Amino acid sequence: MTNDPGARGPSKQRRPTGISRAELEDRVRARREQFEEANERITARSGRNLLSAIAIGVALAVLMVVSLLFISELFLVFVGLITCVGTVELVGALKKSGRSVPVVPSVLSAAGVSVAAFYGGASGQWLTLLAGIGLVVLWRLVLLAAPAYRAGGVGQLLRDLTAAVLVQTYVVFLGSISILLVSQPDGRWWVLSFMVVVICVDTGAYAAGLNFGKHPMAPRISPKKTWEGFAGALLVALVAAVLLTVLLLHEEWWVGLIFGLVLTLTATFGDLAESLLKRDMGIKDMSTWLPGHGGFLDRLDSMLPSAAAAYVLYIIFS
């Protein structure tokens, strides 16, 4: 045995500290498979594709916020276009259920009411809406000259006219209220606030219902909507509404409680109302234009009645 300090013992083979490319690819593949499985479970439980829903929701929210904060006229164009598209969606869905609503005058009315709400105020909105309803009704009566539109007799005609009025009141009128509100002094902040609160309602209901939902709220209308989800929606909405009311709208905190409660009720009602309407027409979605959401109306069902509620609250408190 030598004491030579230069002598070396058996050399130890060092292990590489990194991982190989194959191992990295395996890990990425495993994580992707786990995520896809989780997404499939969420989709099966909620009825929506999570990734597509989030991506489209974020894109719509960004466009809405940018138009609200910088160019009000761009908000008019954006919401007016969505209102026209929603009108086409509902007219197409009604056609599948046997109701014939003229699409051209319906869209013309949607565009006209949107512009009138922005530049003419509430009076312009109402007058243009009444004129639009008259145009759609007259158009449908003129179509009676064609034999195909006389099938079903007076009963069918009354159903078609009722459906036409439904399109104008549900989509055109409610869709134009946010445009009317944004044209008011400081109205853009109320529009931004009510949209954020409604998004919080949808998010809170989705998260709470997905994790804790056991008791259906209206099983015959919307089986996936639960009381637990409603409680989660209310909690998140109240917190968001109080913060927005105090920091953005400069109102008292208790106004935020009213704001959050009212919008939770209207957003939930809007969701259930459209679910009932789709069940009556025998369809799952208004259209397939938005992957993960169905159609624009499927995304905005909570927003439409909430816009009307926000406008009333603006008149009361602002």
C-alpha atoms as a PDB file:
ATOM      1  CA  MET A   1       0.000   0.000   0.000  1.00  0.00           C
ATOM      2  CA  THR A   2       1.459   3.350  -0.924  1.00  0.00           C
ATOM      3  CA  ASN A   3       1.070   6.738   0.703  1.00  0.00           C
ATOM      4  CA  ASP A   4       1.807   8.555  -2.507  1.00  0.00           C
ATOM      5  CA  PRO A   5      -0.644  11.470  -2.566  1.00  0.00           C
ATOM      6  CA  GLY A   6      -0.577  11.377  -6.328  1.00  0.00           C
ATOM      7  CA  ALA A   7      -1.962   7.891  -6.326  1.00  0.00           C
ATOM      8  CA  ARG A   8      -5.651   7.618  -7.269  1.00  0.00           C
ATOM      9  CA  GLY A   9      -8.152   5.041  -6.220  1.00  0.00           C
ATOM     10  CA  PRO A  10     -10.592   3.365  -8.527  1.00  0.00           C
ATOM     11  CA  SER A  11     -12.259   5.981 -10.700  1.00  0.00           C
ATOM     12  CA  LYS A  12     -16.003   6.458 -10.156  1.00  0.00           C
ATOM     13  CA  GLN A  13     -18.166   6.782 -13.234  1.00  0.00           C
ATOM     14  CA  ARG A  14     -20.165   9.978 -13.138  1.00  0.00           C
ATOM     15  CA  ARG A  15     -23.887   9.827 -13.998  1.00  0.00           C
ATOM     16  CA  PRO A  16     -25.206  12.482 -16.308  1.00  0.00           C
ATOM     17  CA  THR A  17     -27.207  15.097 -14.487  1.00  0.00           C
ATOM     18  CA  GLY A  18     -29.614  15.791 -17.417  1.00  0.00           C
ATOM     19  CA  ILE A  19     -32.181  13.593 -19.100  1.00  0.00           C
ATOM     20  CA  SER A  20     -32.141  12.280 -22.591  1.00  0.00           C
ATOM     21  CA  ARG A  21     -34.374  13.550 -25.354  1.00  0.00           C
ATOM     22  CA  ALA A  22     -36.331  10.300 -25.382  1.00  0.00           C
ATOM     23  CA  GLU A  23     -37.019  10.572 -21.637  1.00  0.00           C
ATOM     24  CA  LEU A  24     -38.138  14.179 -22.046  1.00  0.00           C
ATOM     25  CA  GLU A  25     -40.518  13.245 -24.851  1.00  0.00           C
ATOM     26  CA  ASP A  26     -41.938  10.416 -22.744  1.00  0.00           C
ATOM     27  CA  ARG A  27     -42.574  12.768 -19.850  1.00  0.00           C
ATOM     28  CA  VAL A  28     -44.234  15.360 -22.082  1.00  0.00           C
ATOM     29  CA  ARG A  29     -46.373  12.673 -23.676  1.00  0.00           C
ATOM     30  CA  ALA A  30     -47.426  11.335 -20.278  1.00  0.00           C
ATOM     31  CA  ARG A  31     -48.362  14.817 -19.025  1.00  0.00           C
ATOM     32  CA  ARG A  32     -50.332  15.506 -22.197  1.00  0.00           C
ATOM     33  CA  GLU A  33     -52.253  12.264 -21.847  1.00  0.00           C
ATOM     34  CA  GLN A  34     -53.047  13.058 -18.219  1.00  0.00           C
ATOM     35  CA  PHE A  35     -54.288  16.535 -19.180  1.00  0.00           C
ATOM     36  CA  GLU A  36     -56.397  15.156 -22.029  1.00  0.00           C
ATOM     37  CA  GLU A  37     -57.964  12.587 -19.715  1.00  0.00           C
ATOM     38  CA  ALA A  38     -58.771  15.296 -17.170  1.00  0.00           C
ATOM     39  CA  ASN A  39     -60.207  17.511 -19.896  1.00  0.00           C
ATOM     40  CA  GLU A  40     -62.362  14.650 -21.172  1.00  0.00           C
ATOM     41  CA  ARG A  41     -63.733  14.038 -17.676  1.00  0.00           C
ATOM     42  CA  ILE A  42     -64.551  17.735 -17.278  1.00  0.00           C
ATOM     43  CA  THR A  43     -66.145  17.836 -20.732  1.00  0.00           C
ATOM     44  CA  ALA A  44     -68.273  14.786 -19.963  1.00  0.00           C
ATOM     45  CA  ARG A  45     -69.450  16.327 -16.702  1.00  0.00           C
ATOM     46  CA  SER A  46     -69.986  19.898 -17.860  1.00  0.00           C
ATOM     47  CA  GLY A  47     -70.946  19.310 -21.496  1.00  0.00           C
ATOM     48  CA  ARG A  48     -68.312  21.758 -22.814  1.00  0.00           C
ATOM     49  CA  ASN A  49     -64.761  21.474 -24.081  1.00  0.00           C
ATOM     50  CA  LEU A  50     -62.742  23.319 -21.454  1.00  0.00           C
ATOM     51  CA  LEU A  51     -59.835  24.462 -23.632  1.00  0.00           C
ATOM     52  CA  SER A  52     -61.992  25.776 -26.458  1.00  0.00           C
ATOM     53  CA  ALA A  53     -64.373  27.447 -24.039  1.00  0.00           C
ATOM     54  CA  ILE A  54     -61.566  29.256 -22.215  1.00  0.00           C
ATOM     55  CA  ALA A  55     -59.822  30.358 -25.409  1.00  0.00           C
ATOM     56  CA  ILE A  56     -62.972  31.744 -27.013  1.00  0.00           C
ATOM     57  CA  GLY A  57     -64.136  33.344 -23.772  1.00  0.00           C
ATOM     58  CA  VAL A  58     -60.804  35.125 -23.312  1.00  0.00           C
ATOM     59  CA  ALA A  59     -60.773  36.329 -26.928  1.00  0.00           C
ATOM     60  CA  LEU A  60     -64.283  37.768 -26.674  1.00  0.00           C
ATOM     61  CA  ALA A  61     -63.481  39.389 -23.330  1.00  0.00           C
ATOM     62  CA  VAL A  62     -60.339  41.071 -24.693  1.00  0.00           C
ATOM     63  CA  LEU A  63     -62.199  42.492 -27.693  1.00  0.00           C
ATOM     64  CA  MET A  64     -64.992  43.712 -25.443  1.00  0.00           C
ATOM     65  CA  VAL A  65     -62.686  45.405 -22.940  1.00  0.00           C
ATOM     66  CA  VAL A  66     -60.518  47.067 -25.599  1.00  0.00           C
ATOM     67  CA  SER A  67     -63.553  48.486 -27.378  1.00  0.00           C
ATOM     68  CA  LEU A  68     -65.065  49.669 -24.098  1.00  0.00           C
ATOM     69  CA  LEU A  69     -61.985  51.452 -22.807  1.00  0.00           C
ATOM     70  CA  PHE A  70     -60.711  53.078 -25.982  1.00  0.00           C
ATOM     71  CA  ILE A  71     -63.293  53.398 -28.782  1.00  0.00           C
ATOM     72  CA  SER A  72     -66.997  53.410 -27.929  1.00  0.00           C
ATOM     73  CA  GLU A  73     -67.921  53.255 -31.608  1.00  0.00           C
ATOM     74  CA  LEU A  74     -65.952  50.025 -31.893  1.00  0.00           C
ATOM     75  CA  PHE A  75     -68.060  48.613 -29.059  1.00  0.00           C
ATOM     76  CA  LEU A  76     -71.160  49.557 -31.047  1.00  0.00           C
ATOM     77  CA  VAL A  77     -69.834  47.702 -34.101  1.00  0.00           C
ATOM     78  CA  PHE A  78     -68.721  44.693 -32.060  1.00  0.00           C
ATOM     79  CA  VAL A  79     -71.922  44.253 -30.045  1.00  0.00           C
ATOM     80  CA  GLY A  80     -74.101  45.165 -33.013  1.00  0.00           C
ATOM     81  CA  LEU A  81     -72.413  42.478 -35.093  1.00  0.00           C
ATOM     82  CA  ILE A  82     -72.864  39.908 -32.318  1.00  0.00           C
ATOM     83  CA  THR A  83     -76.539  40.901 -32.058  1.00  0.00           C
ATOM     84  CA  CYS A  84     -76.996  40.346 -35.784  1.00  0.00           C
ATOM     85  CA  VAL A  85     -75.248  36.978 -35.598  1.00  0.00           C
ATOM     86  CA  GLY A  86     -77.344  35.992 -32.572  1.00  0.00           C
ATOM     87  CA  THR A  87     -80.458  36.952 -34.508  1.00  0.00           C
ATOM     88  CA  VAL A  88     -79.433  34.656 -37.371  1.00  0.00           C
ATOM     89  CA  GLU A  89     -78.754  31.861 -34.868  1.00  0.00           C
ATOM     90  CA  LEU A  90     -82.162  32.101 -33.217  1.00  0.00           C
ATOM     91  CA  VAL A  91     -83.987  32.393 -36.547  1.00  0.00           C
ATOM     92  CA  GLY A  92     -82.165  29.265 -37.756  1.00  0.00           C
ATOM     93  CA  ALA A  93     -82.957  27.370 -34.557  1.00  0.00           C
ATOM     94  CA  LEU A  94     -86.624  28.349 -34.788  1.00  0.00           C
ATOM     95  CA  LYS A  95     -86.718  27.159 -38.389  1.00  0.00           C
ATOM     96  CA  LYS A  96     -85.612  23.690 -37.253  1.00  0.00           C
ATOM     97  CA  SER A  97     -88.604  23.598 -34.907  1.00  0.00           C
ATOM     98  CA  GLY A  98     -91.057  24.569 -37.642  1.00  0.00           C
ATOM     99  CA  ARG A  99     -91.259  28.354 -37.146  1.00  0.00           C
ATOM    100  CA  SER A 100     -90.612  30.478 -40.214  1.00  0.00           C
ATOM    101  CA  VAL A 101     -89.137  33.877 -39.337  1.00  0.00           C
ATOM    102  CA  PRO A 102     -87.791  36.083 -42.174  1.00  0.00           C
ATOM    103  CA  VAL A 103     -84.073  36.440 -41.591  1.00  0.00           C
ATOM    104  CA  VAL A 104     -83.357  39.524 -43.715  1.00  0.00           C
ATOM    105  CA  PRO A 105     -85.725  41.985 -41.965  1.00  0.00           C
ATOM    106  CA  SER A 106     -84.781  40.481 -38.596  1.00  0.00           C
ATOM    107  CA  VAL A 107     -81.096  41.255 -39.170  1.00  0.00           C
ATOM    108  CA  LEU A 108     -81.883  44.704 -40.578  1.00  0.00           C
ATOM    109  CA  SER A 109     -83.850  45.451 -37.437  1.00  0.00           C
ATOM    110  CA  ALA A 110     -80.986  44.210 -35.237  1.00  0.00           C
ATOM    111  CA  ALA A 111     -78.522  46.523 -36.959  1.00  0.00           C
ATOM    112  CA  GLY A 112     -80.909  49.482 -36.906  1.00  0.00           C
ATOM    113  CA  VAL A 113     -81.817  49.136 -33.232  1.00  0.00           C
ATOM    114  CA  SER A 114     -78.142  48.862 -32.261  1.00  0.00           C
ATOM    115  CA  VAL A 115     -77.276  52.102 -34.061  1.00  0.00           C
ATOM    116  CA  ALA A 116     -80.387  53.872 -32.746  1.00  0.00           C
ATOM    117  CA  ALA A 117     -79.582  52.876 -29.154  1.00  0.00           C
ATOM    118  CA  PHE A 118     -76.107  54.399 -29.431  1.00  0.00           C
ATOM    119  CA  TYR A 119     -77.007  57.645 -31.186  1.00  0.00           C
ATOM    120  CA  GLY A 120     -80.703  58.093 -30.367  1.00  0.00           C
ATOM    121  CA  GLY A 121     -80.921  56.992 -26.754  1.00  0.00           C
ATOM    122  CA  ALA A 122     -83.821  55.037 -25.258  1.00  0.00           C
ATOM    123  CA  SER A 123     -86.463  56.768 -27.389  1.00  0.00           C
ATOM    124  CA  GLY A 124     -84.572  56.016 -30.591  1.00  0.00           C
ATOM    125  CA  GLN A 125     -84.063  52.432 -29.473  1.00  0.00           C
ATOM    126  CA  TRP A 126     -87.771  51.878 -28.803  1.00  0.00           C
ATOM    127  CA  LEU A 127     -89.009  53.570 -31.968  1.00  0.00           C
ATOM    128  CA  THR A 128     -86.580  51.608 -34.138  1.00  0.00           C
ATOM    129  CA  LEU A 129     -87.477  48.373 -32.359  1.00  0.00           C
ATOM    130  CA  LEU A 130     -91.199  48.913 -33.016  1.00  0.00           C
ATOM    131  CA  ALA A 131     -90.431  49.745 -36.640  1.00  0.00           C
ATOM    132  CA  GLY A 132     -88.299  46.593 -36.898  1.00  0.00           C
ATOM    133  CA  ILE A 133     -91.067  44.418 -35.498  1.00  0.00           C
ATOM    134  CA  GLY A 134     -93.498  45.979 -37.968  1.00  0.00           C
ATOM    135  CA  LEU A 135     -91.081  45.303 -40.847  1.00  0.00           C
ATOM    136  CA  VAL A 136     -90.652  41.634 -39.888  1.00  0.00           C
ATOM    137  CA  VAL A 137     -94.406  41.110 -39.475  1.00  0.00           C
ATOM    138  CA  LEU A 138     -95.179  42.819 -42.784  1.00  0.00           C
ATOM    139  CA  TRP A 139     -92.461  40.794 -44.537  1.00  0.00           C
ATOM    140  CA  ARG A 140     -93.965  37.570 -43.213  1.00  0.00           C
ATOM    141  CA  LEU A 141     -97.441  38.587 -44.366  1.00  0.00           C
ATOM    142  CA  VAL A 142     -96.147  39.368 -47.861  1.00  0.00           C
ATOM    143  CA  LEU A 143     -94.615  35.882 -47.994  1.00  0.00           C
ATOM    144  CA  LEU A 144     -98.149  34.476 -47.803  1.00  0.00           C
ATOM    145  CA  ALA A 145     -98.305  35.072 -51.546  1.00  0.00           C
ATOM    146  CA  ALA A 146     -96.145  31.954 -51.925  1.00  0.00           C
ATOM    147  CA  PRO A 147     -98.063  28.680 -51.369  1.00  0.00           C
ATOM    148  CA  ALA A 148     -95.269  27.200 -49.259  1.00  0.00           C
ATOM    149  CA  TYR A 149     -95.766  29.934 -46.629  1.00  0.00           C
ATOM    150  CA  ARG A 150     -99.517  29.308 -46.432  1.00  0.00           C
ATOM    151  CA  ALA A 151     -99.117  25.736 -45.195  1.00  0.00           C
ATOM    152  CA  GLY A 152    -100.503  25.274 -41.701  1.00  0.00           C
ATOM    153  CA  GLY A 153    -103.109  27.983 -42.001  1.00  0.00           C
ATOM    154  CA  VAL A 154    -103.738  30.746 -39.500  1.00  0.00           C
ATOM    155  CA  GLY A 155    -102.306  28.753 -36.600  1.00  0.00           C
ATOM    156  CA  GLN A 156     -98.915  28.436 -38.264  1.00  0.00           C
ATOM    157  CA  LEU A 157     -98.931  32.113 -39.212  1.00  0.00           C
ATOM    158  CA  LEU A 158     -99.577  33.131 -35.592  1.00  0.00           C
ATOM    159  CA  ARG A 159     -96.758  30.870 -34.392  1.00  0.00           C
ATOM    160  CA  ASP A 160     -94.395  32.427 -36.926  1.00  0.00           C
ATOM    161  CA  LEU A 161     -95.356  35.961 -35.930  1.00  0.00           C
ATOM    162  CA  THR A 162     -94.954  35.140 -32.240  1.00  0.00           C
ATOM    163  CA  ALA A 163     -91.519  33.690 -32.953  1.00  0.00           C
ATOM    164  CA  ALA A 164     -90.585  36.835 -34.899  1.00  0.00           C
ATOM    165  CA  VAL A 165     -91.516  39.050 -31.952  1.00  0.00           C
ATOM    166  CA  LEU A 166     -89.525  36.745 -29.650  1.00  0.00           C
ATOM    167  CA  VAL A 167     -86.410  37.229 -31.786  1.00  0.00           C
ATOM    168  CA  GLN A 168     -86.803  41.006 -31.674  1.00  0.00           C
ATOM    169  CA  THR A 169     -87.397  41.251 -27.935  1.00  0.00           C
ATOM    170  CA  TYR A 170     -85.004  38.565 -26.699  1.00  0.00           C
ATOM    171  CA  VAL A 171     -81.995  39.144 -28.970  1.00  0.00           C
ATOM    172  CA  VAL A 172     -82.380  42.551 -30.601  1.00  0.00           C
ATOM    173  CA  PHE A 173     -83.815  44.540 -27.686  1.00  0.00           C
ATOM    174  CA  LEU A 174     -81.777  42.961 -24.880  1.00  0.00           C
ATOM    175  CA  GLY A 175     -78.653  42.933 -27.050  1.00  0.00           C
ATOM    176  CA  SER A 176     -78.928  46.668 -27.697  1.00  0.00           C
ATOM    177  CA  ILE A 177     -79.266  47.638 -24.029  1.00  0.00           C
ATOM    178  CA  SER A 178     -75.520  47.358 -23.383  1.00  0.00           C
ATOM    179  CA  ILE A 179     -75.009  49.721 -26.356  1.00  0.00           C
ATOM    180  CA  LEU A 180     -77.564  52.104 -24.831  1.00  0.00           C
ATOM    181  CA  LEU A 181     -75.767  51.942 -21.486  1.00  0.00           C
ATOM    182  CA  VAL A 182     -72.308  52.556 -22.915  1.00  0.00           C
ATOM    183  CA  SER A 183     -73.571  55.759 -24.563  1.00  0.00           C
ATOM    184  CA  GLN A 184     -74.522  57.218 -21.155  1.00  0.00           C
ATOM    185  CA  PRO A 185     -72.147  59.312 -19.005  1.00  0.00           C
ATOM    186  CA  ASP A 186     -69.769  56.865 -17.270  1.00  0.00           C
ATOM    187  CA  GLY A 187     -71.884  54.098 -18.757  1.00  0.00           C
ATOM    188  CA  ARG A 188     -68.845  52.221 -20.073  1.00  0.00           C
ATOM    189  CA  TRP A 189     -67.732  51.501 -16.506  1.00  0.00           C
ATOM    190  CA  TRP A 190     -71.144  50.065 -15.665  1.00  0.00           C
ATOM    191  CA  VAL A 191     -71.006  47.901 -18.781  1.00  0.00           C
ATOM    192  CA  LEU A 192     -67.530  46.682 -17.894  1.00  0.00           C
ATOM    193  CA  SER A 193     -68.592  46.006 -14.295  1.00  0.00           C
ATOM    194  CA  PHE A 194     -71.728  44.061 -15.123  1.00  0.00           C
ATOM    195  CA  MET A 195     -69.874  41.959 -17.700  1.00  0.00           C
ATOM    196  CA  VAL A 196     -67.134  41.101 -15.207  1.00  0.00           C
ATOM    197  CA  VAL A 197     -69.718  40.178 -12.564  1.00  0.00           C
ATOM    198  CA  VAL A 198     -71.639  37.955 -15.010  1.00  0.00           C
ATOM    199  CA  ILE A 199     -68.384  36.232 -15.993  1.00  0.00           C
ATOM    200  CA  CYS A 200     -67.743  35.676 -12.266  1.00  0.00           C
ATOM    201  CA  VAL A 201     -71.241  34.212 -11.932  1.00  0.00           C
ATOM    202  CA  ASP A 202     -70.608  31.759 -14.767  1.00  0.00           C
ATOM    203  CA  THR A 203     -67.136  30.885 -13.457  1.00  0.00           C
ATOM    204  CA  GLY A 204     -68.260  30.472  -9.859  1.00  0.00           C
ATOM    205  CA  ALA A 205     -71.215  28.317 -10.862  1.00  0.00           C
ATOM    206  CA  TYR A 206     -69.015  26.186 -13.114  1.00  0.00           C
ATOM    207  CA  ALA A 207     -66.294  25.624 -10.502  1.00  0.00           C
ATOM    208  CA  ALA A 208     -68.611  25.043  -7.545  1.00  0.00           C
ATOM    209  CA  GLY A 209     -70.984  22.858  -9.518  1.00  0.00           C
ATOM    210  CA  LEU A 210     -68.142  20.792 -10.946  1.00  0.00           C
ATOM    211  CA  ASN A 211     -66.570  20.119  -7.556  1.00  0.00           C
ATOM    212  CA  PHE A 212     -69.512  20.141  -5.144  1.00  0.00           C
ATOM    213  CA  GLY A 213     -72.688  19.931  -7.242  1.00  0.00           C
ATOM    214  CA  LYS A 214     -75.114  17.307  -5.935  1.00  0.00           C
ATOM    215  CA  HIS A 215     -78.560  18.908  -5.836  1.00  0.00           C
ATOM    216  CA  PRO A 216     -80.005  19.885  -9.254  1.00  0.00           C
ATOM    217  CA  MET A 217     -81.654  23.281  -9.420  1.00  0.00           C
ATOM    218  CA  ALA A 218     -83.938  22.596 -12.384  1.00  0.00           C
ATOM    219  CA  PRO A 219     -83.354  18.999 -13.540  1.00  0.00           C
ATOM    220  CA  ARG A 220     -85.971  19.127 -16.303  1.00  0.00           C
ATOM    221  CA  ILE A 221     -84.542  22.310 -17.805  1.00  0.00           C
ATOM    222  CA  SER A 222     -80.791  22.141 -17.120  1.00  0.00           C
ATOM    223  CA  PRO A 223     -79.697  18.920 -15.374  1.00  0.00           C
ATOM    224  CA  LYS A 224     -76.120  20.113 -14.830  1.00  0.00           C
ATOM    225  CA  LYS A 225     -77.085  23.296 -12.951  1.00  0.00           C
ATOM    226  CA  THR A 226     -77.014  22.735  -9.183  1.00  0.00           C
ATOM    227  CA  TRP A 227     -77.780  24.694  -6.026  1.00  0.00           C
ATOM    228  CA  GLU A 228     -74.167  24.293  -4.977  1.00  0.00           C
ATOM    229  CA  GLY A 229     -73.132  25.935  -8.216  1.00  0.00           C
ATOM    230  CA  PHE A 230     -75.592  28.756  -7.606  1.00  0.00           C
ATOM    231  CA  ALA A 231     -74.148  29.313  -4.128  1.00  0.00           C
ATOM    232  CA  GLY A 232     -70.632  29.459  -5.541  1.00  0.00           C
ATOM    233  CA  ALA A 233     -71.775  31.882  -8.232  1.00  0.00           C
ATOM    234  CA  LEU A 234     -73.420  34.148  -5.668  1.00  0.00           C
ATOM    235  CA  LEU A 235     -70.361  34.199  -3.415  1.00  0.00           C
ATOM    236  CA  VAL A 236     -67.931  35.062  -6.204  1.00  0.00           C
ATOM    237  CA  ALA A 237     -70.333  37.617  -7.715  1.00  0.00           C
ATOM    238  CA  LEU A 238     -70.845  39.451  -4.417  1.00  0.00           C
ATOM    239  CA  VAL A 239     -67.105  39.803  -3.826  1.00  0.00           C
ATOM    240  CA  ALA A 240     -66.466  40.990  -7.384  1.00  0.00           C
ATOM    241  CA  ALA A 241     -69.449  43.353  -7.390  1.00  0.00           C
ATOM    242  CA  VAL A 242     -68.464  45.051  -4.120  1.00  0.00           C
ATOM    243  CA  LEU A 243     -64.891  45.589  -5.327  1.00  0.00           C
ATOM    244  CA  LEU A 244     -66.007  46.929  -8.706  1.00  0.00           C
ATOM    245  CA  THR A 245     -68.687  49.146  -7.208  1.00  0.00           C
ATOM    246  CA  VAL A 246     -66.311  50.765  -4.724  1.00  0.00           C
ATOM    247  CA  LEU A 247     -63.168  50.982  -6.860  1.00  0.00           C
ATOM    248  CA  LEU A 248     -64.578  51.506 -10.367  1.00  0.00           C
ATOM    249  CA  LEU A 249     -68.089  52.917 -10.009  1.00  0.00           C
ATOM    250  CA  HIS A 250     -67.323  54.908  -6.826  1.00  0.00           C
ATOM    251  CA  GLU A 251     -70.549  53.852  -5.132  1.00  0.00           C
ATOM    252  CA  GLU A 252     -71.198  52.591  -1.600  1.00  0.00           C
ATOM    253  CA  TRP A 253     -70.261  49.002  -0.789  1.00  0.00           C
ATOM    254  CA  TRP A 254     -73.863  48.029  -0.123  1.00  0.00           C
ATOM    255  CA  VAL A 255     -74.706  49.018  -3.708  1.00  0.00           C
ATOM    256  CA  GLY A 256     -72.240  46.327  -4.718  1.00  0.00           C
ATOM    257  CA  LEU A 257     -74.171  43.744  -2.710  1.00  0.00           C
ATOM    258  CA  ILE A 258     -77.357  44.685  -4.564  1.00  0.00           C
ATOM    259  CA  PHE A 259     -75.461  44.713  -7.856  1.00  0.00           C
ATOM    260  CA  GLY A 260     -74.011  41.242  -7.268  1.00  0.00           C
ATOM    261  CA  LEU A 261     -77.269  39.723  -6.035  1.00  0.00           C
ATOM    262  CA  VAL A 262     -79.377  41.098  -8.888  1.00  0.00           C
ATOM    263  CA  LEU A 263     -76.894  40.042 -11.570  1.00  0.00           C
ATOM    264  CA  THR A 264     -76.572  36.557 -10.090  1.00  0.00           C
ATOM    265  CA  LEU A 265     -80.346  36.180 -10.344  1.00  0.00           C
ATOM    266  CA  THR A 266     -80.603  37.601 -13.874  1.00  0.00           C
ATOM    267  CA  ALA A 267     -77.615  35.631 -15.164  1.00  0.00           C
ATOM    268  CA  THR A 268     -79.020  32.395 -13.740  1.00  0.00           C
ATOM    269  CA  PHE A 269     -82.467  33.203 -15.111  1.00  0.00           C
ATOM    270  CA  GLY A 270     -81.000  33.925 -18.540  1.00  0.00           C
ATOM    271  CA  ASP A 271     -79.158  30.618 -18.578  1.00  0.00           C
ATOM    272  CA  LEU A 272     -82.252  28.667 -17.535  1.00  0.00           C
ATOM    273  CA  ALA A 273     -84.507  30.588 -19.940  1.00  0.00           C
ATOM    274  CA  GLU A 274     -82.352  29.740 -22.935  1.00  0.00           C
ATOM    275  CA  SER A 275     -82.070  26.123 -21.793  1.00  0.00           C
ATOM    276  CA  LEU A 276     -85.873  25.980 -21.663  1.00  0.00           C
ATOM    277  CA  LEU A 277     -86.095  27.571 -25.098  1.00  0.00           C
ATOM    278  CA  LYS A 278     -83.641  25.075 -26.586  1.00  0.00           C
ATOM    279  CA  ARG A 279     -85.455  22.191 -24.934  1.00  0.00           C
ATOM    280  CA  ASP A 280     -88.709  23.415 -26.470  1.00  0.00           C
ATOM    281  CA  MET A 281     -87.045  23.547 -29.904  1.00  0.00           C
ATOM    282  CA  GLY A 282     -85.369  20.159 -29.388  1.00  0.00           C
ATOM    283  CA  ILE A 283     -81.777  21.338 -29.866  1.00  0.00           C
ATOM    284  CA  LYS A 284     -78.619  21.271 -27.730  1.00  0.00           C
ATOM    285  CA  ASP A 285     -76.956  24.473 -28.968  1.00  0.00           C
ATOM    286  CA  MET A 286     -78.157  27.479 -30.947  1.00  0.00           C
ATOM    287  CA  SER A 287     -75.371  26.822 -33.463  1.00  0.00           C
ATOM    288  CA  THR A 288     -71.898  25.320 -33.737  1.00  0.00           C
ATOM    289  CA  TRP A 289     -70.047  28.504 -34.655  1.00  0.00           C
ATOM    290  CA  LEU A 290     -68.070  28.699 -31.387  1.00  0.00           C
ATOM    291  CA  PRO A 291     -66.277  25.431 -30.462  1.00  0.00           C
ATOM    292  CA  GLY A 292     -66.761  24.691 -26.786  1.00  0.00           C
ATOM    293  CA  HIS A 293     -69.661  27.140 -26.505  1.00  0.00           C
ATOM    294  CA  GLY A 294     -72.109  26.211 -29.246  1.00  0.00           C
ATOM    295  CA  GLY A 295     -73.270  29.566 -30.604  1.00  0.00           C
ATOM    296  CA  PHE A 296     -72.977  33.214 -29.636  1.00  0.00           C
ATOM    297  CA  LEU A 297     -76.333  33.071 -27.871  1.00  0.00           C
ATOM    298  CA  ASP A 298     -75.125  30.083 -25.842  1.00  0.00           C
ATOM    299  CA  ARG A 299     -72.280  32.291 -24.630  1.00  0.00           C
ATOM    300  CA  LEU A 300     -74.402  35.411 -24.063  1.00  0.00           C
ATOM    301  CA  ASP A 301     -77.532  33.916 -22.522  1.00  0.00           C
ATOM    302  CA  SER A 302     -76.515  35.214 -19.079  1.00  0.00           C
ATOM    303  CA  MET A 303     -75.464  38.616 -20.422  1.00  0.00           C
ATOM    304  CA  LEU A 304     -78.703  39.587 -22.175  1.00  0.00           C
ATOM    305  CA  PRO A 305     -81.064  39.938 -19.179  1.00  0.00           C
ATOM    306  CA  SER A 306     -78.187  41.131 -17.000  1.00  0.00           C
ATOM    307  CA  ALA A 307     -77.650  44.092 -19.340  1.00  0.00           C
ATOM    308  CA  ALA A 308     -81.231  45.193 -18.708  1.00  0.00           C
ATOM    309  CA  ALA A 309     -80.747  44.822 -14.946  1.00  0.00           C
ATOM    310  CA  ALA A 310     -77.488  46.792 -15.057  1.00  0.00           C
ATOM    311  CA  TYR A 311     -79.170  49.615 -16.978  1.00  0.00           C
ATOM    312  CA  VAL A 312     -81.964  49.846 -14.391  1.00  0.00           C
ATOM    313  CA  LEU A 313     -79.424  49.896 -11.562  1.00  0.00           C
ATOM    314  CA  TYR A 314     -77.480  52.604 -13.393  1.00  0.00           C
ATOM    315  CA  ILE A 315     -80.614  54.743 -13.608  1.00  0.00           C
ATOM    316  CA  ILE A 316     -81.312  54.223  -9.887  1.00  0.00           C
ATOM    317  CA  PHE A 317     -77.837  54.742  -8.417  1.00  0.00           C
ATOM    318  CA  SER A 318     -75.802  56.762 -10.886  1.00  0.00           C
END
